[in-house]
N, C-alpha and C. Protein backbone atom coordinates (compact mmCIF):
# COMPACT_ATOMS: atom_id res chain seq x y z
N MET A 1 61.31 181.43 269.11
CA MET A 1 59.93 181.31 269.61
C MET A 1 59.92 180.46 270.87
N ILE A 2 59.22 180.93 271.88
CA ILE A 2 59.20 180.23 273.16
C ILE A 2 58.33 178.98 273.05
N SER A 3 58.80 177.89 273.58
CA SER A 3 58.07 176.63 273.54
C SER A 3 56.86 176.68 274.47
N LEU A 4 55.78 176.01 274.04
CA LEU A 4 54.57 175.94 274.85
C LEU A 4 54.84 175.24 276.18
N TRP A 5 55.68 174.20 276.15
CA TRP A 5 55.97 173.48 277.39
C TRP A 5 56.78 174.34 278.35
N ALA A 6 57.65 175.21 277.81
CA ALA A 6 58.40 176.12 278.68
C ALA A 6 57.46 177.11 279.35
N VAL A 7 56.50 177.63 278.57
CA VAL A 7 55.51 178.55 279.15
C VAL A 7 54.69 177.85 280.22
N LEU A 8 54.31 176.59 279.97
CA LEU A 8 53.53 175.84 280.94
C LEU A 8 54.30 175.66 282.24
N LEU A 9 55.56 175.27 282.14
CA LEU A 9 56.37 175.05 283.34
C LEU A 9 56.59 176.34 284.11
N VAL A 10 56.88 177.42 283.41
CA VAL A 10 57.10 178.71 284.08
C VAL A 10 55.82 179.19 284.75
N SER A 11 54.68 179.03 284.09
CA SER A 11 53.42 179.48 284.66
C SER A 11 53.07 178.70 285.91
N VAL A 12 53.22 177.38 285.84
CA VAL A 12 52.92 176.56 287.02
C VAL A 12 53.85 176.92 288.17
N ALA A 13 55.14 177.10 287.87
CA ALA A 13 56.09 177.47 288.92
C ALA A 13 55.75 178.82 289.53
N ALA A 14 55.35 179.77 288.70
CA ALA A 14 54.99 181.09 289.21
C ALA A 14 53.78 181.02 290.12
N TYR A 15 52.79 180.24 289.73
CA TYR A 15 51.60 180.11 290.57
C TYR A 15 51.93 179.40 291.87
N LEU A 16 52.83 178.45 291.83
CA LEU A 16 53.26 177.79 293.07
C LEU A 16 53.87 178.80 294.03
N VAL A 17 54.70 179.68 293.51
CA VAL A 17 55.34 180.69 294.37
C VAL A 17 54.31 181.64 294.94
N PHE A 18 53.43 182.15 294.09
CA PHE A 18 52.46 183.13 294.57
C PHE A 18 51.47 182.53 295.56
N THR A 19 51.07 181.28 295.35
CA THR A 19 50.14 180.67 296.30
C THR A 19 50.80 180.41 297.63
N GLN A 20 52.10 180.12 297.63
CA GLN A 20 52.81 179.96 298.89
C GLN A 20 52.91 181.29 299.63
N LEU A 21 53.11 182.38 298.88
CA LEU A 21 53.15 183.69 299.52
C LEU A 21 51.79 184.08 300.08
N ASP A 22 50.75 183.53 299.50
CA ASP A 22 49.40 183.91 299.91
C ASP A 22 48.67 182.76 300.60
N LYS A 23 49.40 181.80 301.13
CA LYS A 23 48.75 180.63 301.69
C LYS A 23 47.92 180.94 302.93
N ARG A 24 48.25 182.06 303.59
CA ARG A 24 47.46 182.43 304.75
C ARG A 24 46.08 182.95 304.36
N GLY A 25 45.82 183.01 303.08
CA GLY A 25 44.51 183.46 302.65
C GLY A 25 43.37 182.56 303.09
N TYR A 26 43.70 181.32 303.49
CA TYR A 26 42.63 180.44 303.95
C TYR A 26 41.95 180.96 305.20
N GLN A 27 42.63 181.88 305.91
CA GLN A 27 42.03 182.45 307.11
C GLN A 27 40.82 183.32 306.76
N TRP A 28 40.73 183.73 305.50
CA TRP A 28 39.56 184.49 305.08
C TRP A 28 38.28 183.67 305.19
N ALA A 29 38.40 182.35 305.21
CA ALA A 29 37.20 181.52 305.30
C ALA A 29 36.42 181.81 306.57
N ALA A 30 37.14 181.98 307.68
CA ALA A 30 36.47 182.29 308.94
C ALA A 30 35.79 183.65 308.86
N VAL A 31 36.46 184.63 308.24
CA VAL A 31 35.85 185.95 308.09
C VAL A 31 34.61 185.87 307.22
N TRP A 32 34.70 185.06 306.16
CA TRP A 32 33.57 184.89 305.24
C TRP A 32 32.36 184.33 305.97
N ARG A 33 32.55 183.35 306.82
CA ARG A 33 31.42 182.74 307.51
C ARG A 33 30.79 183.69 308.51
N ARG A 34 31.58 184.58 309.10
CA ARG A 34 31.06 185.45 310.16
C ARG A 34 30.44 186.74 309.63
N HIS A 35 30.61 187.02 308.35
CA HIS A 35 30.14 188.30 307.83
C HIS A 35 29.22 188.06 306.63
N PRO A 36 27.92 187.91 306.85
CA PRO A 36 27.00 187.72 305.72
C PRO A 36 26.95 188.92 304.80
N ILE A 37 27.26 190.14 305.33
CA ILE A 37 27.26 191.32 304.47
C ILE A 37 28.35 191.19 303.40
N LEU A 38 29.50 190.64 303.79
CA LEU A 38 30.57 190.41 302.82
C LEU A 38 30.12 189.43 301.75
N GLN A 39 29.42 188.37 302.15
CA GLN A 39 28.92 187.40 301.19
C GLN A 39 27.98 188.07 300.19
N PHE A 40 27.04 188.86 300.72
CA PHE A 40 26.06 189.52 299.85
C PHE A 40 26.74 190.52 298.92
N GLY A 41 27.71 191.26 299.45
CA GLY A 41 28.39 192.26 298.63
C GLY A 41 29.14 191.63 297.47
N LEU A 42 29.86 190.53 297.73
CA LEU A 42 30.60 189.86 296.66
C LEU A 42 29.65 189.24 295.64
N LEU A 43 28.53 188.67 296.13
CA LEU A 43 27.54 188.10 295.22
C LEU A 43 26.92 189.18 294.35
N LEU A 44 26.58 190.32 294.97
CA LEU A 44 26.00 191.42 294.21
C LEU A 44 26.99 191.98 293.20
N GLY A 45 28.26 192.10 293.62
CA GLY A 45 29.27 192.59 292.69
C GLY A 45 29.44 191.68 291.49
N GLY A 46 29.44 190.36 291.73
CA GLY A 46 29.54 189.42 290.61
C GLY A 46 28.34 189.50 289.69
N PHE A 47 27.15 189.65 290.29
CA PHE A 47 25.93 189.76 289.48
C PHE A 47 25.96 191.01 288.61
N LEU A 48 26.37 192.14 289.20
CA LEU A 48 26.44 193.38 288.43
C LEU A 48 27.48 193.28 287.32
N ALA A 49 28.59 192.60 287.60
CA ALA A 49 29.62 192.45 286.58
C ALA A 49 29.08 191.69 285.37
N VAL A 50 28.24 190.67 285.64
CA VAL A 50 27.65 189.91 284.54
C VAL A 50 26.64 190.75 283.78
N VAL A 51 25.77 191.46 284.53
CA VAL A 51 24.72 192.25 283.89
C VAL A 51 25.31 193.36 283.02
N LEU A 52 26.35 194.03 283.53
CA LEU A 52 26.94 195.15 282.80
C LEU A 52 27.64 194.72 281.52
N THR A 53 27.96 193.45 281.41
CA THR A 53 28.61 192.97 280.18
C THR A 53 27.61 192.55 279.11
N LEU A 54 26.32 192.49 279.46
CA LEU A 54 25.30 192.03 278.52
C LEU A 54 24.82 193.20 277.67
N VAL A 55 25.65 193.68 276.77
CA VAL A 55 25.29 194.79 275.89
C VAL A 55 25.63 194.39 274.47
N GLY A 56 25.03 195.12 273.54
CA GLY A 56 25.31 194.84 272.14
C GLY A 56 24.24 193.96 271.53
N VAL A 57 24.42 193.68 270.25
CA VAL A 57 23.46 192.89 269.49
C VAL A 57 24.00 191.48 269.30
N ALA A 58 23.15 190.50 269.51
CA ALA A 58 23.58 189.11 269.34
C ALA A 58 23.92 188.84 267.88
N PRO A 59 25.05 188.23 267.62
CA PRO A 59 25.41 187.94 266.22
C PRO A 59 24.50 186.86 265.64
N SER A 60 24.34 186.90 264.33
CA SER A 60 23.52 185.92 263.65
C SER A 60 24.18 184.55 263.68
N LEU A 61 23.34 183.52 263.75
CA LEU A 61 23.87 182.16 263.76
C LEU A 61 24.34 181.72 262.37
N GLY A 62 23.89 182.43 261.33
CA GLY A 62 24.34 182.07 259.99
C GLY A 62 23.55 180.89 259.42
N GLU A 63 23.98 180.45 258.28
CA GLU A 63 23.27 179.40 257.57
C GLU A 63 23.75 178.00 257.93
N GLY A 64 25.05 177.84 258.09
CA GLY A 64 25.58 176.49 258.26
C GLY A 64 25.75 176.08 259.70
N TRP A 65 25.97 174.77 259.88
CA TRP A 65 26.22 174.19 261.20
C TRP A 65 27.48 173.32 261.14
N ASP A 66 28.48 173.80 260.41
CA ASP A 66 29.71 173.03 260.27
C ASP A 66 30.42 172.91 261.61
N LEU A 67 30.95 171.74 261.86
CA LEU A 67 31.65 171.47 263.11
C LEU A 67 33.11 171.16 262.81
N THR A 68 33.99 171.94 263.39
CA THR A 68 35.42 171.72 263.23
C THR A 68 36.09 171.66 264.60
N ILE A 69 37.05 170.78 264.74
CA ILE A 69 37.80 170.64 265.99
C ILE A 69 39.27 170.79 265.66
N SER A 70 39.89 171.80 266.22
CA SER A 70 41.29 172.07 265.94
C SER A 70 42.18 171.20 266.82
N ASN A 71 43.45 171.18 266.47
CA ASN A 71 44.42 170.42 267.28
C ASN A 71 44.54 170.99 268.69
N ILE A 72 44.40 172.32 268.80
CA ILE A 72 44.50 172.94 270.12
C ILE A 72 43.38 172.46 271.03
N VAL A 73 42.18 172.34 270.48
CA VAL A 73 41.04 171.87 271.28
C VAL A 73 41.29 170.44 271.76
N VAL A 74 41.83 169.61 270.88
CA VAL A 74 42.13 168.23 271.27
C VAL A 74 43.16 168.19 272.39
N VAL A 75 44.20 169.02 272.27
CA VAL A 75 45.24 169.08 273.31
C VAL A 75 44.64 169.54 274.64
N ILE A 76 43.78 170.54 274.58
CA ILE A 76 43.15 171.05 275.81
C ILE A 76 42.27 169.98 276.45
N MET A 77 41.50 169.26 275.65
CA MET A 77 40.63 168.22 276.19
C MET A 77 41.45 167.11 276.85
N ILE A 78 42.48 166.65 276.17
CA ILE A 78 43.31 165.58 276.73
C ILE A 78 44.03 166.05 277.98
N SER A 79 44.56 167.28 277.95
CA SER A 79 45.26 167.82 279.12
C SER A 79 44.32 167.96 280.30
N SER A 80 43.10 168.41 280.06
CA SER A 80 42.13 168.57 281.14
C SER A 80 41.79 167.23 281.78
N ILE A 81 41.60 166.21 280.96
CA ILE A 81 41.29 164.88 281.49
C ILE A 81 42.46 164.34 282.30
N LEU A 82 43.67 164.51 281.79
CA LEU A 82 44.85 164.02 282.51
C LEU A 82 45.02 164.75 283.84
N LEU A 83 44.80 166.06 283.86
CA LEU A 83 44.90 166.82 285.10
C LEU A 83 43.85 166.37 286.10
N GLN A 84 42.64 166.11 285.61
CA GLN A 84 41.57 165.68 286.51
C GLN A 84 41.87 164.31 287.09
N VAL A 85 42.34 163.39 286.26
CA VAL A 85 42.67 162.05 286.73
C VAL A 85 43.85 162.11 287.71
N GLY A 86 44.85 162.92 287.39
CA GLY A 86 45.99 163.05 288.28
C GLY A 86 45.61 163.63 289.63
N LEU A 87 44.76 164.65 289.62
CA LEU A 87 44.32 165.24 290.89
C LEU A 87 43.52 164.24 291.71
N GLN A 88 42.65 163.48 291.05
CA GLN A 88 41.87 162.48 291.74
C GLN A 88 42.77 161.43 292.38
N TYR A 89 43.81 161.02 291.67
CA TYR A 89 44.73 160.02 292.21
C TYR A 89 45.48 160.58 293.41
N ILE A 90 45.95 161.81 293.30
CA ILE A 90 46.70 162.41 294.41
C ILE A 90 45.84 162.51 295.66
N VAL A 91 44.63 162.97 295.51
CA VAL A 91 43.76 163.19 296.67
C VAL A 91 43.31 161.87 297.29
N GLN A 92 43.07 160.87 296.47
CA GLN A 92 42.48 159.63 296.97
C GLN A 92 43.49 158.56 297.35
N HIS A 93 44.68 158.55 296.75
CA HIS A 93 45.57 157.40 296.89
C HIS A 93 46.97 157.73 297.39
N THR A 94 47.25 158.97 297.69
CA THR A 94 48.57 159.31 298.22
C THR A 94 48.46 159.75 299.67
N ARG A 95 49.57 159.68 300.38
CA ARG A 95 49.57 160.10 301.79
C ARG A 95 49.26 161.58 301.92
N THR A 96 49.78 162.36 301.01
CA THR A 96 49.49 163.80 301.05
C THR A 96 48.01 164.06 300.83
N GLY A 97 47.42 163.35 299.88
CA GLY A 97 45.99 163.53 299.62
C GLY A 97 45.13 163.10 300.80
N LYS A 98 45.50 161.99 301.43
CA LYS A 98 44.75 161.56 302.61
C LYS A 98 44.89 162.56 303.74
N ALA A 99 46.09 163.14 303.88
CA ALA A 99 46.28 164.17 304.90
C ALA A 99 45.45 165.41 304.58
N MET A 100 45.32 165.74 303.32
CA MET A 100 44.47 166.87 302.93
C MET A 100 43.02 166.62 303.31
N ARG A 101 42.54 165.42 303.04
CA ARG A 101 41.15 165.11 303.37
C ARG A 101 40.93 165.09 304.87
N ALA A 102 41.91 164.58 305.60
CA ALA A 102 41.78 164.55 307.06
C ALA A 102 41.77 165.96 307.64
N ALA A 103 42.66 166.82 307.13
CA ALA A 103 42.70 168.20 307.63
C ALA A 103 41.44 168.96 307.25
N ALA A 104 40.90 168.68 306.08
CA ALA A 104 39.67 169.36 305.67
C ALA A 104 38.49 168.92 306.52
N TYR A 105 38.50 167.67 306.96
CA TYR A 105 37.38 167.15 307.76
C TYR A 105 37.45 167.63 309.19
N ASP A 106 38.63 167.58 309.80
CA ASP A 106 38.76 167.97 311.21
C ASP A 106 40.22 168.30 311.49
N LYS A 107 40.55 169.57 311.50
CA LYS A 107 41.95 169.97 311.69
C LYS A 107 42.49 169.62 313.08
N PRO A 108 41.76 169.87 314.17
CA PRO A 108 42.31 169.52 315.48
C PRO A 108 42.62 168.03 315.62
N THR A 109 41.69 167.18 315.15
CA THR A 109 41.93 165.75 315.22
C THR A 109 43.10 165.34 314.33
N ALA A 110 43.20 165.96 313.17
CA ALA A 110 44.33 165.66 312.28
C ALA A 110 45.66 165.99 312.95
N ARG A 111 45.70 167.09 313.69
CA ARG A 111 46.93 167.44 314.42
C ARG A 111 47.24 166.39 315.48
N LEU A 112 46.20 165.92 316.16
CA LEU A 112 46.41 164.89 317.19
C LEU A 112 46.94 163.59 316.58
N MET A 113 46.60 163.33 315.35
CA MET A 113 47.06 162.12 314.67
C MET A 113 48.45 162.29 314.06
N GLY A 114 49.09 163.43 314.30
CA GLY A 114 50.45 163.64 313.83
C GLY A 114 50.58 164.28 312.47
N ILE A 115 49.49 164.80 311.93
CA ILE A 115 49.53 165.44 310.62
C ILE A 115 49.94 166.91 310.78
N ASN A 116 50.90 167.33 310.00
CA ASN A 116 51.32 168.73 309.98
C ASN A 116 50.31 169.52 309.16
N VAL A 117 49.32 170.07 309.84
CA VAL A 117 48.22 170.73 309.14
C VAL A 117 48.70 171.95 308.35
N ASP A 118 49.62 172.71 308.93
CA ASP A 118 50.13 173.89 308.22
C ASP A 118 50.80 173.49 306.90
N TRP A 119 51.58 172.41 306.94
CA TRP A 119 52.22 171.94 305.71
C TRP A 119 51.17 171.45 304.72
N VAL A 120 50.14 170.79 305.21
CA VAL A 120 49.08 170.29 304.33
C VAL A 120 48.36 171.46 303.65
N ILE A 121 48.09 172.51 304.41
CA ILE A 121 47.43 173.68 303.82
C ILE A 121 48.32 174.31 302.75
N ALA A 122 49.62 174.41 303.05
CA ALA A 122 50.56 174.96 302.07
C ALA A 122 50.61 174.10 300.82
N ALA A 123 50.62 172.77 301.01
CA ALA A 123 50.64 171.87 299.86
C ALA A 123 49.36 171.98 299.04
N THR A 124 48.23 172.17 299.72
CA THR A 124 46.96 172.32 299.01
C THR A 124 46.96 173.58 298.16
N PHE A 125 47.44 174.68 298.74
CA PHE A 125 47.53 175.92 297.96
C PHE A 125 48.50 175.76 296.80
N ALA A 126 49.60 175.06 297.02
CA ALA A 126 50.57 174.85 295.94
C ALA A 126 49.97 174.02 294.82
N LEU A 127 49.23 172.96 295.18
CA LEU A 127 48.60 172.12 294.17
C LEU A 127 47.55 172.90 293.40
N GLY A 128 46.73 173.67 294.12
CA GLY A 128 45.73 174.49 293.45
C GLY A 128 46.36 175.54 292.55
N GLY A 129 47.46 176.14 293.02
CA GLY A 129 48.15 177.12 292.19
C GLY A 129 48.75 176.52 290.94
N GLY A 130 49.30 175.31 291.06
CA GLY A 130 49.83 174.64 289.88
C GLY A 130 48.76 174.33 288.86
N LEU A 131 47.60 173.87 289.33
CA LEU A 131 46.49 173.60 288.41
C LEU A 131 45.99 174.88 287.77
N ALA A 132 45.93 175.97 288.56
CA ALA A 132 45.50 177.25 288.01
C ALA A 132 46.48 177.74 286.94
N GLY A 133 47.78 177.53 287.19
CA GLY A 133 48.76 177.91 286.18
C GLY A 133 48.61 177.12 284.90
N ALA A 134 48.37 175.82 285.03
CA ALA A 134 48.16 174.99 283.84
C ALA A 134 46.90 175.43 283.10
N ALA A 135 45.84 175.73 283.86
CA ALA A 135 44.60 176.19 283.23
C ALA A 135 44.81 177.51 282.51
N GLY A 136 45.61 178.40 283.09
CA GLY A 136 45.88 179.67 282.44
C GLY A 136 46.61 179.50 281.12
N VAL A 137 47.55 178.58 281.08
CA VAL A 137 48.28 178.32 279.84
C VAL A 137 47.35 177.75 278.78
N LEU A 138 46.49 176.82 279.17
CA LEU A 138 45.54 176.24 278.21
C LEU A 138 44.56 177.29 277.71
N TYR A 139 44.11 178.16 278.61
CA TYR A 139 43.17 179.22 278.23
C TYR A 139 43.83 180.18 277.24
N ALA A 140 45.06 180.59 277.55
CA ALA A 140 45.77 181.50 276.66
C ALA A 140 46.06 180.85 275.31
N THR A 141 46.32 179.55 275.32
CA THR A 141 46.57 178.84 274.06
C THR A 141 45.32 178.82 273.19
N ALA A 142 44.16 178.68 273.82
CA ALA A 142 42.91 178.60 273.07
C ALA A 142 42.49 179.96 272.51
N TYR A 143 42.64 181.01 273.31
CA TYR A 143 42.13 182.33 272.90
C TYR A 143 43.20 183.27 272.38
N LYS A 144 44.45 182.85 272.38
CA LYS A 144 45.56 183.63 271.80
C LYS A 144 45.68 185.03 272.41
N GLN A 145 45.46 185.13 273.71
CA GLN A 145 45.62 186.43 274.37
C GLN A 145 45.97 186.22 275.83
N VAL A 146 46.78 187.13 276.35
CA VAL A 146 47.19 187.09 277.75
C VAL A 146 47.08 188.51 278.31
N HIS A 147 46.31 188.67 279.38
CA HIS A 147 46.19 189.97 280.04
C HIS A 147 45.87 189.74 281.51
N HIS A 148 45.91 190.81 282.29
CA HIS A 148 45.82 190.67 283.75
C HIS A 148 44.41 190.34 284.22
N LEU A 149 43.40 190.47 283.37
CA LEU A 149 42.02 190.17 283.78
C LEU A 149 41.50 188.87 283.17
N MET A 150 42.37 188.12 282.53
CA MET A 150 41.91 186.94 281.80
C MET A 150 41.37 185.85 282.71
N GLY A 151 41.71 185.86 284.00
CA GLY A 151 41.28 184.78 284.88
C GLY A 151 40.02 185.05 285.67
N ILE A 152 39.45 186.27 285.54
CA ILE A 152 38.30 186.61 286.37
C ILE A 152 37.08 185.78 285.99
N MET A 153 36.67 185.84 284.73
CA MET A 153 35.48 185.11 284.33
C MET A 153 35.66 183.59 284.40
N PRO A 154 36.79 183.02 283.94
CA PRO A 154 36.97 181.57 284.14
C PRO A 154 36.97 181.17 285.60
N GLY A 155 37.51 182.03 286.48
CA GLY A 155 37.50 181.72 287.91
C GLY A 155 36.10 181.69 288.48
N LEU A 156 35.27 182.65 288.09
CA LEU A 156 33.88 182.67 288.55
C LEU A 156 33.12 181.45 288.03
N LYS A 157 33.35 181.11 286.78
CA LYS A 157 32.65 179.95 286.21
C LYS A 157 33.15 178.65 286.83
N ALA A 158 34.42 178.59 287.18
CA ALA A 158 34.93 177.40 287.86
C ALA A 158 34.28 177.23 289.22
N PHE A 159 34.05 178.34 289.92
CA PHE A 159 33.38 178.26 291.22
C PHE A 159 31.95 177.75 291.05
N VAL A 160 31.24 178.27 290.05
CA VAL A 160 29.87 177.81 289.80
C VAL A 160 29.86 176.33 289.44
N ALA A 161 30.81 175.90 288.61
CA ALA A 161 30.89 174.48 288.24
C ALA A 161 31.15 173.61 289.46
N ALA A 162 32.00 174.08 290.38
CA ALA A 162 32.27 173.31 291.59
C ALA A 162 31.03 173.21 292.47
N VAL A 163 30.25 174.28 292.55
CA VAL A 163 29.02 174.24 293.34
C VAL A 163 28.01 173.31 292.70
N ILE A 164 27.89 173.36 291.38
CA ILE A 164 26.94 172.48 290.70
C ILE A 164 27.32 171.02 290.90
N GLY A 165 28.58 170.70 290.75
CA GLY A 165 29.02 169.31 290.92
C GLY A 165 29.07 168.87 292.36
N GLY A 166 29.31 169.80 293.27
CA GLY A 166 29.43 169.46 294.69
C GLY A 166 30.78 169.86 295.23
N ILE A 167 30.79 170.80 296.16
CA ILE A 167 32.05 171.25 296.74
C ILE A 167 32.74 170.08 297.45
N GLY A 168 34.01 169.89 297.13
CA GLY A 168 34.77 168.80 297.72
C GLY A 168 34.82 167.55 296.87
N SER A 169 34.08 167.53 295.77
CA SER A 169 34.07 166.36 294.89
C SER A 169 34.79 166.71 293.60
N ILE A 170 35.90 166.03 293.33
CA ILE A 170 36.66 166.30 292.10
C ILE A 170 35.88 165.86 290.86
N PRO A 171 35.33 164.64 290.82
CA PRO A 171 34.49 164.30 289.66
C PRO A 171 33.29 165.22 289.53
N GLY A 172 32.75 165.68 290.66
CA GLY A 172 31.62 166.60 290.61
C GLY A 172 31.98 167.90 289.94
N ALA A 173 33.16 168.43 290.25
CA ALA A 173 33.60 169.67 289.60
C ALA A 173 33.78 169.46 288.10
N PHE A 174 34.29 168.30 287.73
CA PHE A 174 34.49 168.00 286.31
C PHE A 174 33.15 167.92 285.58
N VAL A 175 32.19 167.21 286.18
CA VAL A 175 30.86 167.10 285.57
C VAL A 175 30.15 168.44 285.57
N GLY A 176 30.29 169.19 286.67
CA GLY A 176 29.68 170.51 286.73
C GLY A 176 30.20 171.44 285.65
N ALA A 177 31.51 171.35 285.36
CA ALA A 177 32.09 172.17 284.30
C ALA A 177 31.53 171.78 282.93
N LEU A 178 31.36 170.48 282.71
CA LEU A 178 30.77 170.02 281.44
C LEU A 178 29.34 170.51 281.30
N ILE A 179 28.56 170.42 282.38
CA ILE A 179 27.17 170.88 282.33
C ILE A 179 27.10 172.37 282.05
N MET A 180 27.95 173.12 282.73
CA MET A 180 27.94 174.57 282.54
C MET A 180 28.39 174.95 281.13
N GLY A 181 29.40 174.25 280.62
CA GLY A 181 29.86 174.54 279.26
C GLY A 181 28.80 174.25 278.21
N GLN A 182 28.11 173.12 278.36
CA GLN A 182 27.05 172.79 277.41
C GLN A 182 25.90 173.78 277.51
N THR A 183 25.60 174.22 278.73
CA THR A 183 24.54 175.21 278.91
C THR A 183 24.89 176.51 278.20
N GLU A 184 26.14 176.94 278.30
CA GLU A 184 26.57 178.17 277.63
C GLU A 184 26.46 178.03 276.11
N VAL A 185 26.92 176.91 275.59
CA VAL A 185 26.90 176.71 274.14
C VAL A 185 25.47 176.68 273.61
N LEU A 186 24.60 175.94 274.29
CA LEU A 186 23.20 175.86 273.85
C LEU A 186 22.49 177.20 274.00
N SER A 187 22.82 177.94 275.06
CA SER A 187 22.21 179.25 275.26
C SER A 187 22.63 180.21 274.15
N ALA A 188 23.91 180.17 273.78
CA ALA A 188 24.38 181.05 272.71
C ALA A 188 23.78 180.66 271.36
N GLY A 189 23.54 179.37 271.15
CA GLY A 189 23.03 178.92 269.87
C GLY A 189 21.54 179.11 269.69
N PHE A 190 20.76 178.94 270.77
CA PHE A 190 19.31 178.94 270.63
C PHE A 190 18.62 180.13 271.30
N ILE A 191 19.34 180.87 272.13
CA ILE A 191 18.70 182.01 272.82
C ILE A 191 19.40 183.30 272.40
N SER A 192 20.56 183.57 272.99
CA SER A 192 21.29 184.79 272.68
C SER A 192 22.71 184.67 273.19
N THR A 193 23.66 185.06 272.37
CA THR A 193 25.06 185.00 272.80
C THR A 193 25.35 185.89 274.01
N PRO A 194 24.87 187.15 274.06
CA PRO A 194 25.14 187.96 275.25
C PRO A 194 24.50 187.43 276.52
N MET A 195 23.47 186.58 276.38
CA MET A 195 22.77 186.07 277.56
C MET A 195 23.36 184.78 278.10
N ARG A 196 24.35 184.23 277.44
CA ARG A 196 24.84 182.91 277.84
C ARG A 196 25.46 182.94 279.23
N ASP A 197 26.18 184.01 279.57
CA ASP A 197 26.78 184.09 280.90
C ASP A 197 25.71 184.22 281.98
N ALA A 198 24.68 185.03 281.70
CA ALA A 198 23.61 185.20 282.69
C ALA A 198 22.88 183.88 282.93
N ILE A 199 22.63 183.13 281.87
CA ILE A 199 21.94 181.85 282.02
C ILE A 199 22.83 180.85 282.76
N ALA A 200 24.11 180.86 282.45
CA ALA A 200 25.03 179.94 283.13
C ALA A 200 25.11 180.24 284.62
N PHE A 201 25.22 181.52 284.97
CA PHE A 201 25.30 181.88 286.38
C PHE A 201 23.96 181.69 287.09
N SER A 202 22.86 181.72 286.34
CA SER A 202 21.56 181.45 286.96
C SER A 202 21.47 180.01 287.46
N MET A 203 22.26 179.12 286.86
CA MET A 203 22.28 177.74 287.33
C MET A 203 22.74 177.65 288.77
N LEU A 204 23.62 178.58 289.19
CA LEU A 204 24.09 178.58 290.57
C LEU A 204 22.93 178.79 291.53
N ILE A 205 22.05 179.73 291.21
CA ILE A 205 20.91 180.00 292.08
C ILE A 205 19.97 178.80 292.10
N VAL A 206 19.74 178.20 290.94
CA VAL A 206 18.83 177.04 290.87
C VAL A 206 19.38 175.88 291.70
N VAL A 207 20.66 175.60 291.57
CA VAL A 207 21.26 174.49 292.32
C VAL A 207 21.21 174.75 293.82
N LEU A 208 21.51 175.98 294.23
CA LEU A 208 21.48 176.31 295.66
C LEU A 208 20.08 176.20 296.23
N LEU A 209 19.07 176.45 295.42
CA LEU A 209 17.69 176.34 295.90
C LEU A 209 17.21 174.90 295.94
N ILE A 210 17.59 174.11 294.94
CA ILE A 210 17.07 172.74 294.83
C ILE A 210 17.97 171.73 295.54
N ARG A 211 19.26 171.79 295.30
CA ARG A 211 20.20 170.83 295.89
C ARG A 211 21.47 171.57 296.28
N PRO A 212 21.49 172.18 297.46
CA PRO A 212 22.64 173.02 297.86
C PRO A 212 23.97 172.27 297.88
N GLN A 213 23.95 170.96 298.14
CA GLN A 213 25.21 170.22 298.22
C GLN A 213 25.75 169.84 296.86
N GLY A 214 25.03 170.13 295.77
CA GLY A 214 25.50 169.80 294.44
C GLY A 214 25.12 168.39 294.02
N ILE A 215 25.48 168.06 292.79
CA ILE A 215 25.09 166.76 292.23
C ILE A 215 25.77 165.61 292.96
N PHE A 216 27.06 165.70 293.18
CA PHE A 216 27.82 164.62 293.81
C PHE A 216 28.06 164.87 295.30
N GLY A 217 27.62 166.01 295.80
CA GLY A 217 27.85 166.33 297.20
C GLY A 217 26.90 165.59 298.12
N GLU A 218 27.30 165.47 299.36
CA GLU A 218 26.47 164.82 300.36
C GLU A 218 26.01 165.85 301.38
N PRO A 219 24.76 165.76 301.83
CA PRO A 219 24.29 166.71 302.83
C PRO A 219 25.09 166.57 304.12
N PRO A 220 25.41 167.68 304.77
CA PRO A 220 26.20 167.61 306.00
C PRO A 220 25.46 166.87 307.10
N GLY A 221 26.19 166.03 307.83
CA GLY A 221 25.58 165.29 308.92
C GLY A 221 25.28 166.19 310.10
N GLU A 222 24.26 165.88 310.81
CA GLU A 222 23.85 166.67 311.96
C GLU A 222 24.60 166.18 313.20
N LYS A 223 25.31 167.08 313.85
CA LYS A 223 26.07 166.74 315.04
C LYS A 223 25.20 166.94 316.28
N VAL A 224 25.22 165.94 317.15
CA VAL A 224 24.42 166.01 318.38
C VAL A 224 25.35 165.87 319.57
């Protein structure tokens, strides 16, 4: 039987390789900003994907409200906290993390200061790929299934959580994920299980209308 730690290491390594092969994908950001039709099309596609999955009859809540926490859930919770703390430390207190923040703020100035922006971008993709690999292993451990579409819905929900917490804020993404998770659980318990995804994704629209920068985000400064 293959060890869980071996699967974790192989998954993280695989994601590191694939993100390095696809590191030039950051150039899509410029295309995204220049093409509002692309933005609308992807948003509409995501909305339709959620709506088309809302079929069937909501299961009964049953009589009891027993609460059980398995060992796997405890491992996932502890691992998630450790990953979040580790990422926060890397970004805030290491030279690589400071270079990432500098490149994200102003790439031309970062180059003038001697920062290898291309290497920083590659390192950022590698770090993100490693975290995605770890998340995939934890997800597969919880749901006991692995398939090629398993990352679509968690990826969409992670994006919504990042927007709710504030793009660029690591604690914000963590808090946003907790808020979204609680919203899904309460929606399934008191409204309807098939509607929980629709309600969770509706939070994205509400946040963008009320506070576009997110809970922990800061409004962009006006350049004169």
